[in-house]
Amino acid sequence: MMKRLLIGLGVVLILLGIAVWLEPTGVVLGFLHGEAFYRDRPTRHWCKALTEPDPKTQVEARQALKEGRRSALPVLVELLHSDNAKARWRAADLLGQMGTDAHDATPALVQTLKDSDPHVRAVAASALAAIGPAGPEAIPLLQDMLATEARLPALRALARCGSEAAPAIPPTIALLHDKQSEVRWNAARTLGKMGVAARTTAPALMAALKDPDALVREHAAESLGQIDPDDKDTVPELIAMLQDPEAKVRRDAVRSLGQMGSKAKSAASAIRPLLDDKDANVRKAAKIALKQVNPHTKDKSD
């Protein structure tokens, strides 16, 4: 009798174990493994939902996690360490979509820059660019990425780091010559976001003013004002850009001259014609710049 009871108990335990293992929500296993929960479902449940072959299931899972904002962060952070690469990059992507709400996930995303999968690393960099400054620990990792196919999201993430990204100046300058114009203009923009720490990049940015792509010229002109260059050749180069056929280039060139203040006083006569520019934004920027380079200058609106 006892033997039969033990056998019966063993069978029951085996069946219970199978039931727990096959339980679709994974709640019991998730609880036993100490996983994070969101909407009463553990990380393993969301991992499965995000990687299901059924597109509808994937979409519903992404939407649910995105709606959770901060309350979904623990699960998303755990997913960054999943054995499934698809789950890792989708978690990183969702964190990026949350923007500043995902700030607490920044350290985990920085570690994800070391992921073995290049696509996961690229998505993590994009997420960091959307969330905010990644911190000093991320700089060398992002700098290394500038030599890879993920150079564009790496540039954008570095731009959010401001002057902390200064160690990445040399490879960023090199990307001003990249074959892709989107990479070139993001490189120019990133140097400007570094501020005075990138002051020595003025010659490289002045060379970028001659780029055939208007966006590159625009951001090079903008950045020259942000880095506060001492180079006396900067003012003539920006004055030349006041004749650019693209309004945004003229606008950013005149803004940068204005930001230089009295150092660009000699540009006043070149700025004045822009008060009649066909583009309203250029006219507005010119009016402000005239007052900045020479507060005593009278413009047509006075």
C-alpha atoms as a PDB file:
ATOM      1  CA  MET A   1       0.000   0.000   0.000  1.00  0.00           C
ATOM      2  CA  MET A   2       2.768   2.443   0.982  1.00  0.00           C
ATOM      3  CA  LYS A   3       4.618   1.689  -2.239  1.00  0.00           C
ATOM      4  CA  ARG A   4       1.528   2.504  -4.273  1.00  0.00           C
ATOM      5  CA  LEU A   5       1.035   5.759  -2.376  1.00  0.00           C
ATOM      6  CA  LEU A   6       4.624   6.784  -3.039  1.00  0.00           C
ATOM      7  CA  ILE A   7       4.314   5.915  -6.695  1.00  0.00           C
ATOM      8  CA  GLY A   8       1.066   7.829  -6.893  1.00  0.00           C
ATOM      9  CA  LEU A   9       2.616  10.838  -5.142  1.00  0.00           C
ATOM     10  CA  GLY A  10       5.568  10.716  -7.499  1.00  0.00           C
ATOM     11  CA  VAL A  11       3.279  10.699 -10.518  1.00  0.00           C
ATOM     12  CA  VAL A  12       1.321  13.642  -9.116  1.00  0.00           C
ATOM     13  CA  LEU A  13       4.516  15.592  -8.501  1.00  0.00           C
ATOM     14  CA  ILE A  14       5.735  14.874 -12.024  1.00  0.00           C
ATOM     15  CA  LEU A  15       2.430  15.993 -13.482  1.00  0.00           C
ATOM     16  CA  LEU A  16       2.503  19.133 -11.353  1.00  0.00           C
ATOM     17  CA  GLY A  17       6.045  19.845 -12.520  1.00  0.00           C
ATOM     18  CA  ILE A  18       5.005  19.428 -16.145  1.00  0.00           C
ATOM     19  CA  ALA A  19       1.995  21.661 -15.582  1.00  0.00           C
ATOM     20  CA  VAL A  20       4.146  24.357 -14.020  1.00  0.00           C
ATOM     21  CA  TRP A  21       6.697  24.124 -16.837  1.00  0.00           C
ATOM     22  CA  LEU A  22       4.042  24.310 -19.536  1.00  0.00           C
ATOM     23  CA  GLU A  23       1.937  26.963 -17.778  1.00  0.00           C
ATOM     24  CA  PRO A  24       1.572  29.618 -20.527  1.00  0.00           C
ATOM     25  CA  THR A  25       1.997  32.737 -18.381  1.00  0.00           C
ATOM     26  CA  GLY A  26       5.145  31.438 -16.666  1.00  0.00           C
ATOM     27  CA  VAL A  27       3.995  32.997 -13.389  1.00  0.00           C
ATOM     28  CA  VAL A  28       5.107  30.152 -11.128  1.00  0.00           C
ATOM     29  CA  LEU A  29       8.524  29.738 -12.740  1.00  0.00           C
ATOM     30  CA  GLY A  30       8.959  33.475 -12.836  1.00  0.00           C
ATOM     31  CA  PHE A  31       8.199  33.718  -9.146  1.00  0.00           C
ATOM     32  CA  LEU A  32      10.535  30.834  -8.306  1.00  0.00           C
ATOM     33  CA  HIS A  33      13.371  32.451 -10.273  1.00  0.00           C
ATOM     34  CA  GLY A  34      12.829  35.888  -8.710  1.00  0.00           C
ATOM     35  CA  GLU A  35      11.971  37.603 -11.970  1.00  0.00           C
ATOM     36  CA  ALA A  36      10.466  41.071 -12.287  1.00  0.00           C
ATOM     37  CA  PHE A  37       6.728  41.264 -12.922  1.00  0.00           C
ATOM     38  CA  TYR A  38       4.623  43.655 -14.974  1.00  0.00           C
ATOM     39  CA  ARG A  39       0.834  43.342 -15.204  1.00  0.00           C
ATOM     40  CA  ASP A  40       1.101  40.203 -13.083  1.00  0.00           C
ATOM     41  CA  ARG A  41       3.316  38.530 -15.662  1.00  0.00           C
ATOM     42  CA  PRO A  42       7.028  37.725 -15.235  1.00  0.00           C
ATOM     43  CA  THR A  43       9.887  38.630 -17.544  1.00  0.00           C
ATOM     44  CA  ARG A  44       9.830  35.207 -19.228  1.00  0.00           C
ATOM     45  CA  HIS A  45       6.222  35.813 -20.296  1.00  0.00           C
ATOM     46  CA  TRP A  46       7.143  39.108 -21.977  1.00  0.00           C
ATOM     47  CA  CYS A  47      10.215  37.571 -23.559  1.00  0.00           C
ATOM     48  CA  LYS A  48       8.074  34.916 -25.180  1.00  0.00           C
ATOM     49  CA  ALA A  49       5.444  37.435 -26.281  1.00  0.00           C
ATOM     50  CA  LEU A  50       8.003  39.776 -27.853  1.00  0.00           C
ATOM     51  CA  THR A  51       9.583  36.963 -29.834  1.00  0.00           C
ATOM     52  CA  GLU A  52       6.458  35.041 -30.848  1.00  0.00           C
ATOM     53  CA  PRO A  53       6.149  34.225 -34.561  1.00  0.00           C
ATOM     54  CA  ASP A  54       2.641  35.711 -34.451  1.00  0.00           C
ATOM     55  CA  PRO A  55       2.956  39.434 -35.363  1.00  0.00           C
ATOM     56  CA  LYS A  56      -0.231  40.321 -33.481  1.00  0.00           C
ATOM     57  CA  THR A  57       1.148  38.912 -30.239  1.00  0.00           C
ATOM     58  CA  GLN A  58       4.371  40.845 -30.698  1.00  0.00           C
ATOM     59  CA  VAL A  59       2.556  44.112 -31.378  1.00  0.00           C
ATOM     60  CA  GLU A  60       0.287  43.687 -28.368  1.00  0.00           C
ATOM     61  CA  ALA A  61       3.261  42.936 -26.110  1.00  0.00           C
ATOM     62  CA  ARG A  62       5.217  45.960 -27.344  1.00  0.00           C
ATOM     63  CA  GLN A  63       2.213  48.215 -26.881  1.00  0.00           C
ATOM     64  CA  ALA A  64       1.536  46.932 -23.377  1.00  0.00           C
ATOM     65  CA  LEU A  65       5.142  47.424 -22.274  1.00  0.00           C
ATOM     66  CA  LYS A  66       5.334  50.865 -23.853  1.00  0.00           C
ATOM     67  CA  GLU A  67       2.156  51.927 -22.059  1.00  0.00           C
ATOM     68  CA  GLY A  68       3.651  50.806 -18.766  1.00  0.00           C
ATOM     69  CA  ARG A  69       6.396  53.440 -18.913  1.00  0.00           C
ATOM     70  CA  ARG A  70       8.294  53.387 -15.597  1.00  0.00           C
ATOM     71  CA  SER A  71       6.362  50.438 -14.189  1.00  0.00           C
ATOM     72  CA  ALA A  72       7.614  48.268 -17.067  1.00  0.00           C
ATOM     73  CA  LEU A  73      11.280  49.228 -16.595  1.00  0.00           C
ATOM     74  CA  PRO A  74      12.282  46.303 -14.323  1.00  0.00           C
ATOM     75  CA  VAL A  75      11.040  43.774 -16.872  1.00  0.00           C
ATOM     76  CA  LEU A  76      12.651  45.595 -19.802  1.00  0.00           C
ATOM     77  CA  VAL A  77      15.971  45.821 -17.986  1.00  0.00           C
ATOM     78  CA  GLU A  78      15.870  42.085 -17.289  1.00  0.00           C
ATOM     79  CA  LEU A  79      15.099  41.467 -20.951  1.00  0.00           C
ATOM     80  CA  LEU A  80      18.360  43.203 -21.877  1.00  0.00           C
ATOM     81  CA  HIS A  81      20.066  40.165 -20.329  1.00  0.00           C
ATOM     82  CA  SER A  82      17.904  37.581 -22.093  1.00  0.00           C
ATOM     83  CA  ASP A  83      19.479  34.685 -23.990  1.00  0.00           C
ATOM     84  CA  ASN A  84      17.336  35.744 -26.948  1.00  0.00           C
ATOM     85  CA  ALA A  85      18.951  38.520 -29.043  1.00  0.00           C
ATOM     86  CA  LYS A  86      15.590  39.496 -30.496  1.00  0.00           C
ATOM     87  CA  ALA A  87      14.198  40.076 -27.011  1.00  0.00           C
ATOM     88  CA  ARG A  88      17.269  42.126 -26.079  1.00  0.00           C
ATOM     89  CA  TRP A  89      17.090  44.536 -28.989  1.00  0.00           C
ATOM     90  CA  ARG A  90      13.323  44.889 -28.724  1.00  0.00           C
ATOM     91  CA  ALA A  91      13.644  45.732 -25.041  1.00  0.00           C
ATOM     92  CA  ALA A  92      16.318  48.328 -25.866  1.00  0.00           C
ATOM     93  CA  ASP A  93      14.113  49.775 -28.583  1.00  0.00           C
ATOM     94  CA  LEU A  94      11.164  50.099 -26.201  1.00  0.00           C
ATOM     95  CA  LEU A  95      13.347  51.844 -23.647  1.00  0.00           C
ATOM     96  CA  GLY A  96      14.385  54.326 -26.312  1.00  0.00           C
ATOM     97  CA  GLN A  97      10.763  54.979 -27.216  1.00  0.00           C
ATOM     98  CA  MET A  98      10.078  55.856 -23.584  1.00  0.00           C
ATOM     99  CA  GLY A  99      12.651  58.653 -23.733  1.00  0.00           C
ATOM    100  CA  THR A 100      13.450  60.328 -20.435  1.00  0.00           C
ATOM    101  CA  ASP A 101      11.004  58.042 -18.598  1.00  0.00           C
ATOM    102  CA  ALA A 102      13.596  55.288 -19.089  1.00  0.00           C
ATOM    103  CA  HIS A 103      16.429  57.251 -17.479  1.00  0.00           C
ATOM    104  CA  ASP A 104      16.835  54.670 -14.695  1.00  0.00           C
ATOM    105  CA  ALA A 105      17.625  52.050 -17.343  1.00  0.00           C
ATOM    106  CA  THR A 106      20.677  53.989 -18.588  1.00  0.00           C
ATOM    107  CA  PRO A 107      23.297  51.892 -16.717  1.00  0.00           C
ATOM    108  CA  ALA A 108      21.812  48.686 -18.109  1.00  0.00           C
ATOM    109  CA  LEU A 109      21.796  50.110 -21.637  1.00  0.00           C
ATOM    110  CA  VAL A 110      25.427  51.178 -21.281  1.00  0.00           C
ATOM    111  CA  GLN A 111      26.308  47.586 -20.411  1.00  0.00           C
ATOM    112  CA  THR A 112      24.305  46.469 -23.448  1.00  0.00           C
ATOM    113  CA  LEU A 113      26.774  48.405 -25.617  1.00  0.00           C
ATOM    114  CA  LYS A 114      29.047  45.417 -24.917  1.00  0.00           C
ATOM    115  CA  ASP A 115      26.487  42.904 -26.229  1.00  0.00           C
ATOM    116  CA  SER A 116      27.794  40.161 -28.500  1.00  0.00           C
ATOM    117  CA  ASP A 117      25.185  41.003 -31.154  1.00  0.00           C
ATOM    118  CA  PRO A 118      25.990  44.117 -33.266  1.00  0.00           C
ATOM    119  CA  HIS A 119      22.320  44.899 -33.862  1.00  0.00           C
ATOM    120  CA  VAL A 120      21.612  44.862 -30.131  1.00  0.00           C
ATOM    121  CA  ARG A 121      24.534  47.247 -29.578  1.00  0.00           C
ATOM    122  CA  ALA A 122      23.255  49.609 -32.267  1.00  0.00           C
ATOM    123  CA  VAL A 123      19.730  49.690 -30.828  1.00  0.00           C
ATOM    124  CA  ALA A 124      21.124  50.278 -27.333  1.00  0.00           C
ATOM    125  CA  ALA A 125      23.075  53.281 -28.641  1.00  0.00           C
ATOM    126  CA  SER A 126      19.936  54.641 -30.300  1.00  0.00           C
ATOM    127  CA  ALA A 127      18.054  54.217 -27.034  1.00  0.00           C
ATOM    128  CA  LEU A 128      20.722  56.109 -25.105  1.00  0.00           C
ATOM    129  CA  ALA A 129      20.526  58.925 -27.647  1.00  0.00           C
ATOM    130  CA  ALA A 130      16.778  59.162 -27.029  1.00  0.00           C
ATOM    131  CA  ILE A 131      16.966  58.954 -23.242  1.00  0.00           C
ATOM    132  CA  GLY A 132      19.721  61.436 -22.425  1.00  0.00           C
ATOM    133  CA  PRO A 133      23.387  61.628 -21.362  1.00  0.00           C
ATOM    134  CA  ALA A 134      24.826  58.129 -21.038  1.00  0.00           C
ATOM    135  CA  GLY A 135      27.612  59.093 -18.629  1.00  0.00           C
ATOM    136  CA  PRO A 136      31.412  58.768 -18.793  1.00  0.00           C
ATOM    137  CA  GLU A 137      31.409  54.968 -18.742  1.00  0.00           C
ATOM    138  CA  ALA A 138      29.647  54.926 -22.109  1.00  0.00           C
ATOM    139  CA  ILE A 139      32.093  57.230 -23.918  1.00  0.00           C
ATOM    140  CA  PRO A 140      34.808  54.670 -24.774  1.00  0.00           C
ATOM    141  CA  LEU A 141      32.193  52.135 -25.824  1.00  0.00           C
ATOM    142  CA  LEU A 142      30.447  54.625 -28.085  1.00  0.00           C
ATOM    143  CA  GLN A 143      33.796  55.808 -29.409  1.00  0.00           C
ATOM    144  CA  ASP A 144      34.666  52.262 -30.469  1.00  0.00           C
ATOM    145  CA  MET A 145      31.319  52.040 -32.254  1.00  0.00           C
ATOM    146  CA  LEU A 146      32.264  54.998 -34.486  1.00  0.00           C
ATOM    147  CA  ALA A 147      34.376  52.571 -36.513  1.00  0.00           C
ATOM    148  CA  THR A 148      31.442  50.216 -37.112  1.00  0.00           C
ATOM    149  CA  GLU A 149      28.146  50.117 -38.970  1.00  0.00           C
ATOM    150  CA  ALA A 150      26.571  51.517 -35.809  1.00  0.00           C
ATOM    151  CA  ARG A 151      28.463  54.819 -36.122  1.00  0.00           C
ATOM    152  CA  LEU A 152      25.290  56.848 -36.685  1.00  0.00           C
ATOM    153  CA  PRO A 153      23.478  55.909 -33.445  1.00  0.00           C
ATOM    154  CA  ALA A 154      26.812  56.166 -31.632  1.00  0.00           C
ATOM    155  CA  LEU A 155      27.238  59.743 -32.872  1.00  0.00           C
ATOM    156  CA  ARG A 156      23.754  60.650 -31.715  1.00  0.00           C
ATOM    157  CA  ALA A 157      24.381  59.155 -28.280  1.00  0.00           C
ATOM    158  CA  LEU A 158      27.690  61.019 -27.990  1.00  0.00           C
ATOM    159  CA  ALA A 159      25.935  64.263 -28.906  1.00  0.00           C
ATOM    160  CA  ARG A 160      23.783  63.878 -25.795  1.00  0.00           C
ATOM    161  CA  CYS A 161      26.902  63.590 -23.636  1.00  0.00           C
ATOM    162  CA  GLY A 162      28.119  67.135 -24.334  1.00  0.00           C
ATOM    163  CA  SER A 163      31.662  67.968 -23.264  1.00  0.00           C
ATOM    164  CA  GLU A 164      32.059  64.523 -21.652  1.00  0.00           C
ATOM    165  CA  ALA A 165      32.313  63.130 -25.183  1.00  0.00           C
ATOM    166  CA  ALA A 166      35.525  65.086 -25.904  1.00  0.00           C
ATOM    167  CA  PRO A 167      37.702  61.907 -25.977  1.00  0.00           C
ATOM    168  CA  ALA A 168      35.757  60.903 -29.091  1.00  0.00           C
ATOM    169  CA  ILE A 169      36.738  64.056 -31.031  1.00  0.00           C
ATOM    170  CA  PRO A 170      39.360  62.452 -33.331  1.00  0.00           C
ATOM    171  CA  PRO A 171      37.124  59.679 -34.731  1.00  0.00           C
ATOM    172  CA  THR A 172      34.218  62.136 -34.939  1.00  0.00           C
ATOM    173  CA  ILE A 173      36.293  64.477 -37.095  1.00  0.00           C
ATOM    174  CA  ALA A 174      37.136  61.537 -39.347  1.00  0.00           C
ATOM    175  CA  LEU A 175      33.423  60.929 -39.902  1.00  0.00           C
ATOM    176  CA  LEU A 176      33.076  64.392 -41.457  1.00  0.00           C
ATOM    177  CA  HIS A 177      34.404  62.611 -44.547  1.00  0.00           C
ATOM    178  CA  ASP A 178      32.106  59.589 -44.346  1.00  0.00           C
ATOM    179  CA  LYS A 179      30.492  58.453 -47.578  1.00  0.00           C
ATOM    180  CA  GLN A 180      27.027  58.833 -46.041  1.00  0.00           C
ATOM    181  CA  SER A 181      25.831  62.408 -45.754  1.00  0.00           C
ATOM    182  CA  GLU A 182      23.671  61.559 -42.726  1.00  0.00           C
ATOM    183  CA  VAL A 183      26.776  60.423 -40.885  1.00  0.00           C
ATOM    184  CA  ARG A 184      28.682  63.559 -41.933  1.00  0.00           C
ATOM    185  CA  TRP A 185      26.059  66.007 -40.698  1.00  0.00           C
ATOM    186  CA  ASN A 186      25.618  64.110 -37.447  1.00  0.00           C
ATOM    187  CA  ALA A 187      29.384  64.236 -36.945  1.00  0.00           C
ATOM    188  CA  ALA A 188      29.324  68.014 -37.442  1.00  0.00           C
ATOM    189  CA  ARG A 189      26.383  68.337 -35.069  1.00  0.00           C
ATOM    190  CA  THR A 190      28.038  66.147 -32.425  1.00  0.00           C
ATOM    191  CA  LEU A 191      31.173  68.297 -32.397  1.00  0.00           C
ATOM    192  CA  GLY A 192      29.015  71.351 -31.767  1.00  0.00           C
ATOM    193  CA  LYS A 193      27.239  69.660 -28.860  1.00  0.00           C
ATOM    194  CA  MET A 194      30.629  69.193 -27.189  1.00  0.00           C
ATOM    195  CA  GLY A 195      30.868  72.985 -26.896  1.00  0.00           C
ATOM    196  CA  VAL A 196      34.173  74.645 -26.058  1.00  0.00           C
ATOM    197  CA  ALA A 197      35.743  71.223 -25.478  1.00  0.00           C
ATOM    198  CA  ALA A 198      35.724  70.904 -29.286  1.00  0.00           C
ATOM    199  CA  ARG A 199      37.201  74.350 -29.960  1.00  0.00           C
ATOM    200  CA  THR A 200      40.181  72.855 -31.802  1.00  0.00           C
ATOM    201  CA  THR A 201      37.862  71.287 -34.383  1.00  0.00           C
ATOM    202  CA  ALA A 202      37.170  74.668 -36.041  1.00  0.00           C
ATOM    203  CA  PRO A 203      39.389  73.943 -39.100  1.00  0.00           C
ATOM    204  CA  ALA A 204      37.604  70.630 -39.716  1.00  0.00           C
ATOM    205  CA  LEU A 205      34.184  72.276 -39.385  1.00  0.00           C
ATOM    206  CA  MET A 206      35.205  75.100 -41.716  1.00  0.00           C
ATOM    207  CA  ALA A 207      36.191  72.493 -44.305  1.00  0.00           C
ATOM    208  CA  ALA A 208      32.763  70.900 -43.839  1.00  0.00           C
ATOM    209  CA  LEU A 209      31.165  74.210 -44.856  1.00  0.00           C
ATOM    210  CA  LYS A 210      32.092  73.259 -48.417  1.00  0.00           C
ATOM    211  CA  ASP A 211      30.291  69.912 -48.285  1.00  0.00           C
ATOM    212  CA  PRO A 212      27.916  69.318 -51.225  1.00  0.00           C
ATOM    213  CA  ASP A 213      25.125  68.326 -48.815  1.00  0.00           C
ATOM    214  CA  ALA A 214      23.198  71.277 -47.360  1.00  0.00           C
ATOM    215  CA  LEU A 215      22.557  69.518 -44.036  1.00  0.00           C
ATOM    216  CA  VAL A 216      26.283  69.074 -43.508  1.00  0.00           C
ATOM    217  CA  ARG A 217      26.909  72.752 -44.248  1.00  0.00           C
ATOM    218  CA  GLU A 218      24.041  73.745 -41.961  1.00  0.00           C
ATOM    219  CA  HIS A 219      25.288  71.785 -38.956  1.00  0.00           C
ATOM    220  CA  ALA A 220      28.909  72.742 -39.547  1.00  0.00           C
ATOM    221  CA  ALA A 221      27.873  76.401 -39.517  1.00  0.00           C
ATOM    222  CA  GLU A 222      25.794  75.876 -36.383  1.00  0.00           C
ATOM    223  CA  SER A 223      28.595  74.053 -34.574  1.00  0.00           C
ATOM    224  CA  LEU A 224      31.149  76.762 -35.287  1.00  0.00           C
ATOM    225  CA  GLY A 225      29.077  79.079 -33.133  1.00  0.00           C
ATOM    226  CA  GLN A 226      28.691  76.511 -30.368  1.00  0.00           C
ATOM    227  CA  ILE A 227      32.382  75.690 -29.940  1.00  0.00           C
ATOM    228  CA  ASP A 228      33.385  79.358 -29.528  1.00  0.00           C
ATOM    229  CA  PRO A 229      36.431  79.186 -31.830  1.00  0.00           C
ATOM    230  CA  ASP A 230      39.345  81.582 -31.479  1.00  0.00           C
ATOM    231  CA  ASP A 231      40.516  81.042 -35.053  1.00  0.00           C
ATOM    232  CA  LYS A 232      40.405  84.370 -36.878  1.00  0.00           C
ATOM    233  CA  ASP A 233      39.630  82.575 -40.143  1.00  0.00           C
ATOM    234  CA  THR A 234      36.244  81.409 -38.868  1.00  0.00           C
ATOM    235  CA  VAL A 235      34.467  84.742 -39.378  1.00  0.00           C
ATOM    236  CA  PRO A 236      35.317  85.101 -43.107  1.00  0.00           C
ATOM    237  CA  GLU A 237      34.293  81.496 -43.720  1.00  0.00           C
ATOM    238  CA  LEU A 238      30.916  82.063 -42.063  1.00  0.00           C
ATOM    239  CA  ILE A 239      30.435  85.347 -43.906  1.00  0.00           C
ATOM    240  CA  ALA A 240      30.826  83.425 -47.160  1.00  0.00           C
ATOM    241  CA  MET A 241      28.043  81.072 -46.047  1.00  0.00           C
ATOM    242  CA  LEU A 242      25.613  83.997 -45.823  1.00  0.00           C
ATOM    243  CA  GLN A 243      25.308  83.629 -49.594  1.00  0.00           C
ATOM    244  CA  ASP A 244      24.449  79.915 -49.460  1.00  0.00           C
ATOM    245  CA  PRO A 245      21.425  78.964 -51.599  1.00  0.00           C
ATOM    246  CA  GLU A 246      19.888  77.038 -48.681  1.00  0.00           C
ATOM    247  CA  ALA A 247      18.035  79.189 -46.150  1.00  0.00           C
ATOM    248  CA  LYS A 248      18.904  76.969 -43.178  1.00  0.00           C
ATOM    249  CA  VAL A 249      22.596  77.300 -43.948  1.00  0.00           C
ATOM    250  CA  ARG A 250      22.313  81.105 -44.104  1.00  0.00           C
ATOM    251  CA  ARG A 251      20.306  81.111 -40.881  1.00  0.00           C
ATOM    252  CA  ASP A 252      22.806  78.996 -38.929  1.00  0.00           C
ATOM    253  CA  ALA A 253      25.790  80.881 -40.329  1.00  0.00           C
ATOM    254  CA  VAL A 254      24.380  84.222 -39.224  1.00  0.00           C
ATOM    255  CA  ARG A 255      23.400  82.780 -35.840  1.00  0.00           C
ATOM    256  CA  SER A 256      26.946  81.574 -35.280  1.00  0.00           C
ATOM    257  CA  LEU A 257      28.355  84.966 -36.196  1.00  0.00           C
ATOM    258  CA  GLY A 258      26.015  86.471 -33.644  1.00  0.00           C
ATOM    259  CA  GLN A 259      27.122  83.987 -30.977  1.00  0.00           C
ATOM    260  CA  MET A 260      30.707  85.107 -31.506  1.00  0.00           C
ATOM    261  CA  GLY A 261      29.735  88.595 -30.415  1.00  0.00           C
ATOM    262  CA  SER A 262      32.329  91.311 -30.857  1.00  0.00           C
ATOM    263  CA  LYS A 263      34.782  88.829 -32.390  1.00  0.00           C
ATOM    264  CA  ALA A 264      32.515  88.900 -35.454  1.00  0.00           C
ATOM    265  CA  LYS A 265      32.010  92.676 -35.510  1.00  0.00           C
ATOM    266  CA  SER A 266      33.526  92.816 -38.992  1.00  0.00           C
ATOM    267  CA  ALA A 267      30.598  90.732 -40.271  1.00  0.00           C
ATOM    268  CA  ALA A 268      28.005  93.439 -39.581  1.00  0.00           C
ATOM    269  CA  SER A 269      27.993  94.807 -43.148  1.00  0.00           C
ATOM    270  CA  ALA A 270      27.590  91.285 -44.556  1.00  0.00           C
ATOM    271  CA  ILE A 271      24.766  90.489 -42.144  1.00  0.00           C
ATOM    272  CA  ARG A 272      22.733  93.601 -42.909  1.00  0.00           C
ATOM    273  CA  PRO A 273      21.473  92.452 -46.361  1.00  0.00           C
ATOM    274  CA  LEU A 274      19.928  89.401 -44.708  1.00  0.00           C
ATOM    275  CA  LEU A 275      17.408  91.691 -43.042  1.00  0.00           C
ATOM    276  CA  ASP A 276      15.672  91.550 -46.437  1.00  0.00           C
ATOM    277  CA  ASP A 277      16.170  87.806 -46.967  1.00  0.00           C
ATOM    278  CA  LYS A 278      13.254  85.949 -48.542  1.00  0.00           C
ATOM    279  CA  ASP A 279      13.186  83.529 -45.574  1.00  0.00           C
ATOM    280  CA  ALA A 280      11.584  84.823 -42.368  1.00  0.00           C
ATOM    281  CA  ASN A 281      13.832  82.739 -40.113  1.00  0.00           C
ATOM    282  CA  VAL A 282      16.926  84.140 -41.774  1.00  0.00           C
ATOM    283  CA  ARG A 283      15.634  87.701 -41.368  1.00  0.00           C
ATOM    284  CA  LYS A 284      14.926  87.100 -37.682  1.00  0.00           C
ATOM    285  CA  ALA A 285      18.359  85.537 -37.095  1.00  0.00           C
ATOM    286  CA  ALA A 286      20.069  88.401 -38.900  1.00  0.00           C
ATOM    287  CA  LYS A 287      18.333  91.007 -36.757  1.00  0.00           C
ATOM    288  CA  ILE A 288      19.439  89.279 -33.570  1.00  0.00           C
ATOM    289  CA  ALA A 289      22.973  88.697 -34.845  1.00  0.00           C
ATOM    290  CA  LEU A 290      23.469  92.362 -35.772  1.00  0.00           C
ATOM    291  CA  LYS A 291      22.741  93.376 -32.201  1.00  0.00           C
ATOM    292  CA  GLN A 292      25.073  90.712 -30.875  1.00  0.00           C
ATOM    293  CA  VAL A 293      28.115  91.571 -33.005  1.00  0.00           C
ATOM    294  CA  ASN A 294      27.622  95.308 -32.540  1.00  0.00           C
ATOM    295  CA  PRO A 295      25.009  96.443 -30.022  1.00  0.00           C
ATOM    296  CA  HIS A 296      25.189  99.991 -31.407  1.00  0.00           C
ATOM    297  CA  THR A 297      24.263  98.951 -34.951  1.00  0.00           C
ATOM    298  CA  LYS A 298      20.848 100.181 -36.106  1.00  0.00           C
ATOM    299  CA  ASP A 299      18.817  97.828 -38.249  1.00  0.00           C
ATOM    300  CA  LYS A 300      15.914  98.621 -40.532  1.00  0.00           C
ATOM    301  CA  SER A 301      13.315  97.657 -37.971  1.00  0.00           C
ATOM    302  CA  ASP A 302      14.538 100.171 -35.376  1.00  0.00           C
END
